[in-house]
mmCIF file of all heavy atoms, coordinates in Angstrom:
data_MODEL
# 
_entry.id   MODEL 
# 
loop_
_atom_site.group_PDB 
_atom_site.id 
_atom_site.type_symbol 
_atom_site.label_atom_id 
_atom_site.label_alt_id 
_atom_site.label_comp_id 
_atom_site.label_asym_id 
_atom_site.label_entity_id 
_atom_site.label_seq_id 
_atom_site.pdbx_PDB_ins_code 
_atom_site.Cartn_x 
_atom_site.Cartn_y 
_atom_site.Cartn_z 
_atom_site.occupancy 
_atom_site.B_iso_or_equiv 
_atom_site.pdbx_formal_charge 
_atom_site.auth_seq_id 
_atom_site.auth_comp_id 
_atom_site.auth_asym_id 
_atom_site.auth_atom_id 
_atom_site.pdbx_PDB_model_num 
ATOM 1   N N   . ARG A 1 1  ? -24.230 -68.681 -63.592 1.00 0.00 ? 1  ARG A N   1 
ATOM 2   C CA  . ARG A 1 1  ? -24.007 -70.104 -63.924 1.00 0.00 ? 1  ARG A CA  1 
ATOM 3   C C   . ARG A 1 1  ? -24.081 -70.929 -62.673 1.00 0.00 ? 1  ARG A C   1 
ATOM 4   O O   . ARG A 1 1  ? -23.714 -70.400 -61.583 1.00 0.00 ? 1  ARG A O   1 
ATOM 5   C CB  . ARG A 1 1  ? -22.664 -70.307 -64.625 1.00 0.00 ? 1  ARG A CB  1 
ATOM 6   C CG  . ARG A 1 1  ? -22.595 -69.557 -65.910 1.00 0.00 ? 1  ARG A CG  1 
ATOM 7   C CD  . ARG A 1 1  ? -21.308 -69.927 -66.554 1.00 0.00 ? 1  ARG A CD  1 
ATOM 8   N NE  . ARG A 1 1  ? -21.676 -71.018 -67.424 1.00 0.00 ? 1  ARG A NE  1 
ATOM 9   C CZ  . ARG A 1 1  ? -20.967 -71.370 -68.478 1.00 0.00 ? 1  ARG A CZ  1 
ATOM 10  N NH1 . ARG A 1 1  ? -19.865 -70.791 -68.789 1.00 0.00 ? 1  ARG A NH1 1 
ATOM 11  N NH2 . ARG A 1 1  ? -21.375 -72.380 -69.229 1.00 0.00 ? 1  ARG A NH2 1 
ATOM 12  N N   . GLY A 1 2  ? -24.495 -72.160 -62.761 1.00 0.00 ? 2  GLY A N   1 
ATOM 13  C CA  . GLY A 1 2  ? -24.660 -72.994 -61.591 1.00 0.00 ? 2  GLY A CA  1 
ATOM 14  C C   . GLY A 1 2  ? -25.628 -72.473 -60.531 1.00 0.00 ? 2  GLY A C   1 
ATOM 15  O O   . GLY A 1 2  ? -25.483 -72.645 -59.370 1.00 0.00 ? 2  GLY A O   1 
ATOM 16  N N   . HIS A 1 3  ? -26.720 -71.930 -61.062 1.00 0.00 ? 3  HIS A N   1 
ATOM 17  C CA  . HIS A 1 3  ? -27.706 -71.293 -60.162 1.00 0.00 ? 3  HIS A CA  1 
ATOM 18  C C   . HIS A 1 3  ? -28.393 -72.304 -59.209 1.00 0.00 ? 3  HIS A C   1 
ATOM 19  O O   . HIS A 1 3  ? -28.750 -71.890 -58.108 1.00 0.00 ? 3  HIS A O   1 
ATOM 20  C CB  . HIS A 1 3  ? -28.740 -70.517 -60.937 1.00 0.00 ? 3  HIS A CB  1 
ATOM 21  C CG  . HIS A 1 3  ? -29.511 -71.310 -61.919 1.00 0.00 ? 3  HIS A CG  1 
ATOM 22  N ND1 . HIS A 1 3  ? -29.021 -71.631 -63.145 1.00 0.00 ? 3  HIS A ND1 1 
ATOM 23  C CD2 . HIS A 1 3  ? -30.697 -71.949 -61.760 1.00 0.00 ? 3  HIS A CD2 1 
ATOM 24  C CE1 . HIS A 1 3  ? -29.935 -72.385 -63.718 1.00 0.00 ? 3  HIS A CE1 1 
ATOM 25  N NE2 . HIS A 1 3  ? -30.902 -72.602 -62.871 1.00 0.00 ? 3  HIS A NE2 1 
ATOM 26  N N   . VAL A 1 4  ? -28.551 -73.548 -59.610 1.00 0.00 ? 4  VAL A N   1 
ATOM 27  C CA  . VAL A 1 4  ? -29.185 -74.495 -58.751 1.00 0.00 ? 4  VAL A CA  1 
ATOM 28  C C   . VAL A 1 4  ? -28.292 -74.760 -57.510 1.00 0.00 ? 4  VAL A C   1 
ATOM 29  O O   . VAL A 1 4  ? -28.756 -74.736 -56.324 1.00 0.00 ? 4  VAL A O   1 
ATOM 30  C CB  . VAL A 1 4  ? -29.523 -75.786 -59.453 1.00 0.00 ? 4  VAL A CB  1 
ATOM 31  C CG1 . VAL A 1 4  ? -30.075 -76.879 -58.452 1.00 0.00 ? 4  VAL A CG1 1 
ATOM 32  C CG2 . VAL A 1 4  ? -30.576 -75.529 -60.553 1.00 0.00 ? 4  VAL A CG2 1 
ATOM 33  N N   . ALA A 1 5  ? -27.038 -74.987 -57.773 1.00 0.00 ? 5  ALA A N   1 
ATOM 34  C CA  . ALA A 1 5  ? -26.081 -75.221 -56.665 1.00 0.00 ? 5  ALA A CA  1 
ATOM 35  C C   . ALA A 1 5  ? -25.982 -73.962 -55.749 1.00 0.00 ? 5  ALA A C   1 
ATOM 36  O O   . ALA A 1 5  ? -25.938 -74.059 -54.541 1.00 0.00 ? 5  ALA A O   1 
ATOM 37  C CB  . ALA A 1 5  ? -24.696 -75.633 -57.186 1.00 0.00 ? 5  ALA A CB  1 
ATOM 38  N N   . LYS A 1 6  ? -25.908 -72.793 -56.399 1.00 0.00 ? 6  LYS A N   1 
ATOM 39  C CA  . LYS A 1 6  ? -25.826 -71.580 -55.604 1.00 0.00 ? 6  LYS A CA  1 
ATOM 40  C C   . LYS A 1 6  ? -27.084 -71.359 -54.793 1.00 0.00 ? 6  LYS A C   1 
ATOM 41  O O   . LYS A 1 6  ? -26.998 -70.910 -53.629 1.00 0.00 ? 6  LYS A O   1 
ATOM 42  C CB  . LYS A 1 6  ? -25.548 -70.384 -56.534 1.00 0.00 ? 6  LYS A CB  1 
ATOM 43  C CG  . LYS A 1 6  ? -24.094 -70.326 -57.086 1.00 0.00 ? 6  LYS A CG  1 
ATOM 44  C CD  . LYS A 1 6  ? -23.958 -69.154 -58.006 1.00 0.00 ? 6  LYS A CD  1 
ATOM 45  C CE  . LYS A 1 6  ? -22.548 -69.017 -58.552 1.00 0.00 ? 6  LYS A CE  1 
ATOM 46  N NZ  . LYS A 1 6  ? -21.670 -70.126 -58.724 1.00 0.00 ? 6  LYS A NZ  1 
ATOM 47  N N   . GLY A 1 7  ? -28.205 -71.659 -55.360 1.00 0.00 ? 7  GLY A N   1 
ATOM 48  C CA  . GLY A 1 7  ? -29.487 -71.502 -54.641 1.00 0.00 ? 7  GLY A CA  1 
ATOM 49  C C   . GLY A 1 7  ? -29.603 -72.494 -53.457 1.00 0.00 ? 7  GLY A C   1 
ATOM 50  O O   . GLY A 1 7  ? -30.073 -72.109 -52.419 1.00 0.00 ? 7  GLY A O   1 
ATOM 51  N N   . ARG A 1 8  ? -29.097 -73.696 -53.662 1.00 0.00 ? 8  ARG A N   1 
ATOM 52  C CA  . ARG A 1 8  ? -29.110 -74.698 -52.584 1.00 0.00 ? 8  ARG A CA  1 
ATOM 53  C C   . ARG A 1 8  ? -28.181 -74.203 -51.464 1.00 0.00 ? 8  ARG A C   1 
ATOM 54  O O   . ARG A 1 8  ? -28.540 -74.296 -50.280 1.00 0.00 ? 8  ARG A O   1 
ATOM 55  C CB  . ARG A 1 8  ? -28.649 -76.085 -53.037 1.00 0.00 ? 8  ARG A CB  1 
ATOM 56  C CG  . ARG A 1 8  ? -29.717 -76.807 -53.813 1.00 0.00 ? 8  ARG A CG  1 
ATOM 57  C CD  . ARG A 1 8  ? -29.194 -78.160 -54.340 1.00 0.00 ? 8  ARG A CD  1 
ATOM 58  N NE  . ARG A 1 8  ? -28.859 -79.015 -53.303 1.00 0.00 ? 8  ARG A NE  1 
ATOM 59  C CZ  . ARG A 1 8  ? -29.705 -79.906 -52.710 1.00 0.00 ? 8  ARG A CZ  1 
ATOM 60  N NH1 . ARG A 1 8  ? -30.913 -79.951 -53.055 1.00 0.00 ? 8  ARG A NH1 1 
ATOM 61  N NH2 . ARG A 1 8  ? -29.293 -80.704 -51.741 1.00 0.00 ? 8  ARG A NH2 1 
ATOM 62  N N   . ASP A 1 9  ? -27.001 -73.731 -51.781 1.00 0.00 ? 9  ASP A N   1 
ATOM 63  C CA  . ASP A 1 9  ? -26.041 -73.276 -50.782 1.00 0.00 ? 9  ASP A CA  1 
ATOM 64  C C   . ASP A 1 9  ? -26.615 -72.085 -49.997 1.00 0.00 ? 9  ASP A C   1 
ATOM 65  O O   . ASP A 1 9  ? -26.548 -71.979 -48.784 1.00 0.00 ? 9  ASP A O   1 
ATOM 66  C CB  . ASP A 1 9  ? -24.724 -72.857 -51.386 1.00 0.00 ? 9  ASP A CB  1 
ATOM 67  C CG  . ASP A 1 9  ? -23.880 -74.065 -51.889 1.00 0.00 ? 9  ASP A CG  1 
ATOM 68  O OD1 . ASP A 1 9  ? -24.192 -75.179 -51.413 1.00 0.00 ? 9  ASP A OD1 1 
ATOM 69  O OD2 . ASP A 1 9  ? -22.984 -73.866 -52.665 1.00 0.00 ? 9  ASP A OD2 1 
ATOM 70  N N   . PHE A 1 10 ? -27.250 -71.143 -50.763 1.00 0.00 ? 10 PHE A N   1 
ATOM 71  C CA  . PHE A 1 10 ? -27.837 -69.989 -50.133 1.00 0.00 ? 10 PHE A CA  1 
ATOM 72  C C   . PHE A 1 10 ? -28.998 -70.387 -49.169 1.00 0.00 ? 10 PHE A C   1 
ATOM 73  O O   . PHE A 1 10 ? -29.052 -69.902 -48.052 1.00 0.00 ? 10 PHE A O   1 
ATOM 74  C CB  . PHE A 1 10 ? -28.442 -69.091 -51.256 1.00 0.00 ? 10 PHE A CB  1 
ATOM 75  C CG  . PHE A 1 10 ? -29.139 -67.873 -50.844 1.00 0.00 ? 10 PHE A CG  1 
ATOM 76  C CD1 . PHE A 1 10 ? -28.486 -66.741 -50.433 1.00 0.00 ? 10 PHE A CD1 1 
ATOM 77  C CD2 . PHE A 1 10 ? -30.559 -67.809 -50.864 1.00 0.00 ? 10 PHE A CD2 1 
ATOM 78  C CE1 . PHE A 1 10 ? -29.118 -65.606 -50.025 1.00 0.00 ? 10 PHE A CE1 1 
ATOM 79  C CE2 . PHE A 1 10 ? -31.245 -66.697 -50.495 1.00 0.00 ? 10 PHE A CE2 1 
ATOM 80  C CZ  . PHE A 1 10 ? -30.526 -65.599 -50.087 1.00 0.00 ? 10 PHE A CZ  1 
ATOM 81  N N   . THR A 1 11 ? -29.775 -71.373 -49.586 1.00 0.00 ? 11 THR A N   1 
ATOM 82  C CA  . THR A 1 11 ? -30.889 -71.873 -48.765 1.00 0.00 ? 11 THR A CA  1 
ATOM 83  C C   . THR A 1 11 ? -30.320 -72.626 -47.515 1.00 0.00 ? 11 THR A C   1 
ATOM 84  O O   . THR A 1 11 ? -30.869 -72.485 -46.439 1.00 0.00 ? 11 THR A O   1 
ATOM 85  C CB  . THR A 1 11 ? -31.808 -72.776 -49.565 1.00 0.00 ? 11 THR A CB  1 
ATOM 86  O OG1 . THR A 1 11 ? -32.231 -72.026 -50.713 1.00 0.00 ? 11 THR A OG1 1 
ATOM 87  C CG2 . THR A 1 11 ? -32.946 -73.248 -48.750 1.00 0.00 ? 11 THR A CG2 1 
ATOM 88  N N   . ARG A 1 12 ? -29.296 -73.414 -47.725 1.00 0.00 ? 12 ARG A N   1 
ATOM 89  C CA  . ARG A 1 12 ? -28.662 -74.131 -46.655 1.00 0.00 ? 12 ARG A CA  1 
ATOM 90  C C   . ARG A 1 12 ? -28.231 -73.191 -45.554 1.00 0.00 ? 12 ARG A C   1 
ATOM 91  O O   . ARG A 1 12 ? -28.410 -73.423 -44.351 1.00 0.00 ? 12 ARG A O   1 
ATOM 92  C CB  . ARG A 1 12 ? -27.567 -75.038 -47.108 1.00 0.00 ? 12 ARG A CB  1 
ATOM 93  C CG  . ARG A 1 12 ? -26.999 -75.991 -46.134 1.00 0.00 ? 12 ARG A CG  1 
ATOM 94  C CD  . ARG A 1 12 ? -25.835 -76.883 -46.684 1.00 0.00 ? 12 ARG A CD  1 
ATOM 95  N NE  . ARG A 1 12 ? -26.474 -77.873 -47.502 1.00 0.00 ? 12 ARG A NE  1 
ATOM 96  C CZ  . ARG A 1 12 ? -26.280 -77.976 -48.833 1.00 0.00 ? 12 ARG A CZ  1 
ATOM 97  N NH1 . ARG A 1 12 ? -25.621 -77.122 -49.504 1.00 0.00 ? 12 ARG A NH1 1 
ATOM 98  N NH2 . ARG A 1 12 ? -26.877 -78.982 -49.491 1.00 0.00 ? 12 ARG A NH2 1 
ATOM 99  N N   . ARG A 1 13 ? -27.562 -72.094 -45.955 1.00 0.00 ? 13 ARG A N   1 
ATOM 100 C CA  . ARG A 1 13 ? -27.087 -71.064 -44.977 1.00 0.00 ? 13 ARG A CA  1 
ATOM 101 C C   . ARG A 1 13 ? -28.247 -70.445 -44.227 1.00 0.00 ? 13 ARG A C   1 
ATOM 102 O O   . ARG A 1 13 ? -28.194 -70.248 -43.008 1.00 0.00 ? 13 ARG A O   1 
ATOM 103 C CB  . ARG A 1 13 ? -26.218 -70.099 -45.640 1.00 0.00 ? 13 ARG A CB  1 
ATOM 104 C CG  . ARG A 1 13 ? -24.799 -70.559 -45.985 1.00 0.00 ? 13 ARG A CG  1 
ATOM 105 C CD  . ARG A 1 13 ? -23.921 -69.388 -46.425 1.00 0.00 ? 13 ARG A CD  1 
ATOM 106 N NE  . ARG A 1 13 ? -24.409 -68.706 -47.565 1.00 0.00 ? 13 ARG A NE  1 
ATOM 107 C CZ  . ARG A 1 13 ? -24.181 -69.011 -48.827 1.00 0.00 ? 13 ARG A CZ  1 
ATOM 108 N NH1 . ARG A 1 13 ? -23.430 -70.083 -49.097 1.00 0.00 ? 13 ARG A NH1 1 
ATOM 109 N NH2 . ARG A 1 13 ? -24.662 -68.315 -49.782 1.00 0.00 ? 13 ARG A NH2 1 
ATOM 110 N N   . ALA A 1 14 ? -29.325 -70.165 -44.951 1.00 0.00 ? 14 ALA A N   1 
ATOM 111 C CA  . ALA A 1 14 ? -30.495 -69.538 -44.309 1.00 0.00 ? 14 ALA A CA  1 
ATOM 112 C C   . ALA A 1 14 ? -31.120 -70.518 -43.323 1.00 0.00 ? 14 ALA A C   1 
ATOM 113 O O   . ALA A 1 14 ? -31.466 -70.108 -42.187 1.00 0.00 ? 14 ALA A O   1 
ATOM 114 C CB  . ALA A 1 14 ? -31.514 -69.118 -45.360 1.00 0.00 ? 14 ALA A CB  1 
ATOM 115 N N   . LEU A 1 15 ? -31.271 -71.786 -43.687 1.00 0.00 ? 15 LEU A N   1 
ATOM 116 C CA  . LEU A 1 15 ? -31.861 -72.782 -42.788 1.00 0.00 ? 15 LEU A CA  1 
ATOM 117 C C   . LEU A 1 15 ? -31.027 -72.889 -41.526 1.00 0.00 ? 15 LEU A C   1 
ATOM 118 O O   . LEU A 1 15 ? -31.586 -73.016 -40.429 1.00 0.00 ? 15 LEU A O   1 
ATOM 119 C CB  . LEU A 1 15 ? -31.975 -74.141 -43.518 1.00 0.00 ? 15 LEU A CB  1 
ATOM 120 C CG  . LEU A 1 15 ? -33.001 -74.193 -44.630 1.00 0.00 ? 15 LEU A CG  1 
ATOM 121 C CD1 . LEU A 1 15 ? -32.899 -75.492 -45.377 1.00 0.00 ? 15 LEU A CD1 1 
ATOM 122 C CD2 . LEU A 1 15 ? -34.414 -73.979 -44.085 1.00 0.00 ? 15 LEU A CD2 1 
ATOM 123 N N   . LEU A 1 16 ? -29.705 -72.921 -41.687 1.00 0.00 ? 16 LEU A N   1 
ATOM 124 C CA  . LEU A 1 16 ? -28.812 -73.015 -40.550 1.00 0.00 ? 16 LEU A CA  1 
ATOM 125 C C   . LEU A 1 16 ? -28.992 -71.710 -39.620 1.00 0.00 ? 16 LEU A C   1 
ATOM 126 O O   . LEU A 1 16 ? -29.141 -71.886 -38.425 1.00 0.00 ? 16 LEU A O   1 
ATOM 127 C CB  . LEU A 1 16 ? -27.316 -73.112 -40.982 1.00 0.00 ? 16 LEU A CB  1 
ATOM 128 C CG  . LEU A 1 16 ? -26.289 -73.123 -39.942 1.00 0.00 ? 16 LEU A CG  1 
ATOM 129 C CD1 . LEU A 1 16 ? -26.446 -74.378 -39.092 1.00 0.00 ? 16 LEU A CD1 1 
ATOM 130 C CD2 . LEU A 1 16 ? -24.872 -73.121 -40.581 1.00 0.00 ? 16 LEU A CD2 1 
ATOM 131 N N   . ASP A 1 17 ? -28.986 -70.578 -40.244 1.00 0.00 ? 17 ASP A N   1 
ATOM 132 C CA  . ASP A 1 17 ? -29.086 -69.354 -39.462 1.00 0.00 ? 17 ASP A CA  1 
ATOM 133 C C   . ASP A 1 17 ? -30.466 -69.246 -38.724 1.00 0.00 ? 17 ASP A C   1 
ATOM 134 O O   . ASP A 1 17 ? -30.548 -68.730 -37.678 1.00 0.00 ? 17 ASP A O   1 
ATOM 135 C CB  . ASP A 1 17 ? -28.986 -68.121 -40.383 1.00 0.00 ? 17 ASP A CB  1 
ATOM 136 C CG  . ASP A 1 17 ? -27.568 -67.915 -40.897 1.00 0.00 ? 17 ASP A CG  1 
ATOM 137 O OD1 . ASP A 1 17 ? -26.636 -68.535 -40.386 1.00 0.00 ? 17 ASP A OD1 1 
ATOM 138 O OD2 . ASP A 1 17 ? -27.408 -67.049 -41.811 1.00 0.00 ? 17 ASP A OD2 1 
ATOM 139 N N   . TRP A 1 18 ? -31.500 -69.823 -39.362 1.00 0.00 ? 18 TRP A N   1 
ATOM 140 C CA  . TRP A 1 18 ? -32.846 -69.780 -38.775 1.00 0.00 ? 18 TRP A CA  1 
ATOM 141 C C   . TRP A 1 18 ? -33.132 -70.922 -37.868 1.00 0.00 ? 18 TRP A C   1 
ATOM 142 O O   . TRP A 1 18 ? -34.237 -71.064 -37.330 1.00 0.00 ? 18 TRP A O   1 
ATOM 143 C CB  . TRP A 1 18 ? -33.903 -69.625 -39.865 1.00 0.00 ? 18 TRP A CB  1 
ATOM 144 C CG  . TRP A 1 18 ? -33.808 -68.361 -40.671 1.00 0.00 ? 18 TRP A CG  1 
ATOM 145 C CD1 . TRP A 1 18 ? -33.168 -67.228 -40.269 1.00 0.00 ? 18 TRP A CD1 1 
ATOM 146 C CD2 . TRP A 1 18 ? -34.335 -68.149 -41.935 1.00 0.00 ? 18 TRP A CD2 1 
ATOM 147 N NE1 . TRP A 1 18 ? -33.309 -66.289 -41.294 1.00 0.00 ? 18 TRP A NE1 1 
ATOM 148 C CE2 . TRP A 1 18 ? -34.001 -66.857 -42.345 1.00 0.00 ? 18 TRP A CE2 1 
ATOM 149 C CE3 . TRP A 1 18 ? -35.041 -68.946 -42.888 1.00 0.00 ? 18 TRP A CE3 1 
ATOM 150 C CZ2 . TRP A 1 18 ? -34.348 -66.275 -43.550 1.00 0.00 ? 18 TRP A CZ2 1 
ATOM 151 C CZ3 . TRP A 1 18 ? -35.391 -68.408 -44.066 1.00 0.00 ? 18 TRP A CZ3 1 
ATOM 152 C CH2 . TRP A 1 18 ? -35.062 -67.067 -44.393 1.00 0.00 ? 18 TRP A CH2 1 
ATOM 153 N N   . GLY A 1 19 ? -32.159 -71.827 -37.665 1.00 0.00 ? 19 GLY A N   1 
ATOM 154 C CA  . GLY A 1 19 ? -32.352 -72.997 -36.818 1.00 0.00 ? 19 GLY A CA  1 
ATOM 155 C C   . GLY A 1 19 ? -33.153 -74.093 -37.369 1.00 0.00 ? 19 GLY A C   1 
ATOM 156 O O   . GLY A 1 19 ? -33.790 -74.914 -36.628 1.00 0.00 ? 19 GLY A O   1 
ATOM 157 N N   . TRP A 1 20 ? -33.221 -74.139 -38.675 1.00 0.00 ? 20 TRP A N   1 
ATOM 158 C CA  . TRP A 1 20 ? -34.097 -75.166 -39.360 1.00 0.00 ? 20 TRP A CA  1 
ATOM 159 C C   . TRP A 1 20 ? -33.242 -76.186 -40.115 1.00 0.00 ? 20 TRP A C   1 
ATOM 160 O O   . TRP A 1 20 ? -33.722 -76.744 -41.128 1.00 0.00 ? 20 TRP A O   1 
ATOM 161 C CB  . TRP A 1 20 ? -35.047 -74.475 -40.300 1.00 0.00 ? 20 TRP A CB  1 
ATOM 162 C CG  . TRP A 1 20 ? -36.115 -73.687 -39.685 1.00 0.00 ? 20 TRP A CG  1 
ATOM 163 C CD1 . TRP A 1 20 ? -36.509 -73.784 -38.423 1.00 0.00 ? 20 TRP A CD1 1 
ATOM 164 C CD2 . TRP A 1 20 ? -36.917 -72.674 -40.350 1.00 0.00 ? 20 TRP A CD2 1 
ATOM 165 N NE1 . TRP A 1 20 ? -37.585 -72.905 -38.208 1.00 0.00 ? 20 TRP A NE1 1 
ATOM 166 C CE2 . TRP A 1 20 ? -37.779 -72.217 -39.328 1.00 0.00 ? 20 TRP A CE2 1 
ATOM 167 C CE3 . TRP A 1 20 ? -36.925 -72.113 -41.593 1.00 0.00 ? 20 TRP A CE3 1 
ATOM 168 C CZ2 . TRP A 1 20 ? -38.728 -71.233 -39.632 1.00 0.00 ? 20 TRP A CZ2 1 
ATOM 169 C CZ3 . TRP A 1 20 ? -37.854 -71.189 -41.872 1.00 0.00 ? 20 TRP A CZ3 1 
ATOM 170 C CH2 . TRP A 1 20 ? -38.770 -70.747 -40.891 1.00 0.00 ? 20 TRP A CH2 1 
ATOM 171 N N   . ASP A 1 21 ? -32.075 -76.424 -39.668 1.00 0.00 ? 21 ASP A N   1 
ATOM 172 C CA  . ASP A 1 21 ? -31.174 -77.392 -40.407 1.00 0.00 ? 21 ASP A CA  1 
ATOM 173 C C   . ASP A 1 21 ? -31.114 -78.725 -39.676 1.00 0.00 ? 21 ASP A C   1 
ATOM 174 O O   . ASP A 1 21 ? -31.560 -78.856 -38.530 1.00 0.00 ? 21 ASP A O   1 
ATOM 175 C CB  . ASP A 1 21 ? -29.776 -76.819 -40.534 1.00 0.00 ? 21 ASP A CB  1 
ATOM 176 C CG  . ASP A 1 21 ? -29.096 -76.624 -39.183 1.00 0.00 ? 21 ASP A CG  1 
ATOM 177 O OD1 . ASP A 1 21 ? -29.754 -76.081 -38.274 1.00 0.00 ? 21 ASP A OD1 1 
ATOM 178 O OD2 . ASP A 1 21 ? -27.913 -76.994 -39.008 1.00 0.00 ? 21 ASP A OD2 1 
ATOM 179 N N   . GLY A 1 22 ? -30.671 -79.742 -40.355 1.00 0.00 ? 22 GLY A N   1 
ATOM 180 C CA  . GLY A 1 22 ? -30.444 -80.984 -39.754 1.00 0.00 ? 22 GLY A CA  1 
ATOM 181 C C   . GLY A 1 22 ? -31.600 -81.919 -39.618 1.00 0.00 ? 22 GLY A C   1 
ATOM 182 O O   . GLY A 1 22 ? -31.509 -82.927 -38.873 1.00 0.00 ? 22 GLY A O   1 
ATOM 183 N N   . THR A 1 23 ? -32.718 -81.649 -40.315 1.00 0.00 ? 23 THR A N   1 
ATOM 184 C CA  . THR A 1 23 ? -33.843 -82.555 -40.284 1.00 0.00 ? 23 THR A CA  1 
ATOM 185 C C   . THR A 1 23 ? -34.117 -83.030 -41.690 1.00 0.00 ? 23 THR A C   1 
ATOM 186 O O   . THR A 1 23 ? -33.647 -82.458 -42.665 1.00 0.00 ? 23 THR A O   1 
ATOM 187 C CB  . THR A 1 23 ? -35.132 -81.873 -39.719 1.00 0.00 ? 23 THR A CB  1 
ATOM 188 O OG1 . THR A 1 23 ? -35.541 -80.850 -40.665 1.00 0.00 ? 23 THR A OG1 1 
ATOM 189 C CG2 . THR A 1 23 ? -34.916 -81.269 -38.341 1.00 0.00 ? 23 THR A CG2 1 
ATOM 190 N N   . GLU A 1 24 ? -34.952 -84.104 -41.805 1.00 0.00 ? 24 GLU A N   1 
ATOM 191 C CA  . GLU A 1 24 ? -35.361 -84.584 -43.118 1.00 0.00 ? 24 GLU A CA  1 
ATOM 192 C C   . GLU A 1 24 ? -36.155 -83.488 -43.816 1.00 0.00 ? 24 GLU A C   1 
ATOM 193 O O   . GLU A 1 24 ? -36.034 -83.327 -45.052 1.00 0.00 ? 24 GLU A O   1 
ATOM 194 C CB  . GLU A 1 24 ? -36.193 -85.873 -43.000 1.00 0.00 ? 24 GLU A CB  1 
ATOM 195 C CG  . GLU A 1 24 ? -35.413 -87.051 -42.697 1.00 0.00 ? 24 GLU A CG  1 
ATOM 196 C CD  . GLU A 1 24 ? -36.238 -88.337 -42.695 1.00 0.00 ? 24 GLU A CD  1 
ATOM 197 O OE1 . GLU A 1 24 ? -37.140 -88.403 -43.512 1.00 0.00 ? 24 GLU A OE1 1 
ATOM 198 O OE2 . GLU A 1 24 ? -35.933 -89.233 -41.913 1.00 0.00 ? 24 GLU A OE2 1 
ATOM 199 N N   . THR A 1 25 ? -36.892 -82.730 -43.124 1.00 0.00 ? 25 THR A N   1 
ATOM 200 C CA  . THR A 1 25 ? -37.743 -81.669 -43.702 1.00 0.00 ? 25 THR A CA  1 
ATOM 201 C C   . THR A 1 25 ? -36.845 -80.558 -44.275 1.00 0.00 ? 25 THR A C   1 
ATOM 202 O O   . THR A 1 25 ? -37.137 -79.958 -45.290 1.00 0.00 ? 25 THR A O   1 
ATOM 203 C CB  . THR A 1 25 ? -38.748 -81.154 -42.773 1.00 0.00 ? 25 THR A CB  1 
ATOM 204 O OG1 . THR A 1 25 ? -39.524 -82.191 -42.278 1.00 0.00 ? 25 THR A OG1 1 
ATOM 205 C CG2 . THR A 1 25 ? -39.702 -80.173 -43.452 1.00 0.00 ? 25 THR A CG2 1 
ATOM 206 N N   . SER A 1 26 ? -35.687 -80.262 -43.604 1.00 0.00 ? 26 SER A N   1 
ATOM 207 C CA  . SER A 1 26 ? -34.768 -79.259 -44.167 1.00 0.00 ? 26 SER A CA  1 
ATOM 208 C C   . SER A 1 26 ? -34.160 -79.747 -45.454 1.00 0.00 ? 26 SER A C   1 
ATOM 209 O O   . SER A 1 26 ? -33.950 -79.018 -46.408 1.00 0.00 ? 26 SER A O   1 
ATOM 210 C CB  . SER A 1 26 ? -33.655 -78.838 -43.148 1.00 0.00 ? 26 SER A CB  1 
ATOM 211 O OG  . SER A 1 26 ? -32.862 -79.915 -42.851 1.00 0.00 ? 26 SER A OG  1 
ATOM 212 N N   . GLU A 1 27 ? -33.919 -81.069 -45.568 1.00 0.00 ? 27 GLU A N   1 
ATOM 213 C CA  . GLU A 1 27 ? -33.468 -81.663 -46.803 1.00 0.00 ? 27 GLU A CA  1 
ATOM 214 C C   . GLU A 1 27 ? -34.597 -81.530 -47.857 1.00 0.00 ? 27 GLU A C   1 
ATOM 215 O O   . GLU A 1 27 ? -34.239 -81.362 -49.051 1.00 0.00 ? 27 GLU A O   1 
ATOM 216 C CB  . GLU A 1 27 ? -33.017 -83.086 -46.606 1.00 0.00 ? 27 GLU A CB  1 
ATOM 217 C CG  . GLU A 1 27 ? -31.802 -83.249 -45.755 1.00 0.00 ? 27 GLU A CG  1 
ATOM 218 C CD  . GLU A 1 27 ? -30.556 -82.600 -46.330 1.00 0.00 ? 27 GLU A CD  1 
ATOM 219 O OE1 . GLU A 1 27 ? -30.348 -82.810 -47.598 1.00 0.00 ? 27 GLU A OE1 1 
ATOM 220 O OE2 . GLU A 1 27 ? -29.846 -81.948 -45.613 1.00 0.00 ? 27 GLU A OE2 1 
ATOM 221 N N   . ASP A 1 28 ? -35.781 -81.703 -47.474 1.00 0.00 ? 28 ASP A N   1 
ATOM 222 C CA  . ASP A 1 28 ? -36.915 -81.518 -48.401 1.00 0.00 ? 28 ASP A CA  1 
ATOM 223 C C   . ASP A 1 28 ? -36.948 -80.092 -48.966 1.00 0.00 ? 28 ASP A C   1 
ATOM 224 O O   . ASP A 1 28 ? -37.237 -79.841 -50.108 1.00 0.00 ? 28 ASP A O   1 
ATOM 225 C CB  . ASP A 1 28 ? -38.261 -81.810 -47.733 1.00 0.00 ? 28 ASP A CB  1 
ATOM 226 C CG  . ASP A 1 28 ? -38.500 -83.277 -47.550 1.00 0.00 ? 28 ASP A CG  1 
ATOM 227 O OD1 . ASP A 1 28 ? -37.780 -84.106 -48.094 1.00 0.00 ? 28 ASP A OD1 1 
ATOM 228 O OD2 . ASP A 1 28 ? -39.464 -83.624 -46.805 1.00 0.00 ? 28 ASP A OD2 1 
# 
């Protein structure tokens, strides 16, 4: 349940770990 929110959180953590967070493109 709540797979969209879980998927976004999972992706947000990966982007942070890979150094790809904090840009407009990471929000895209």
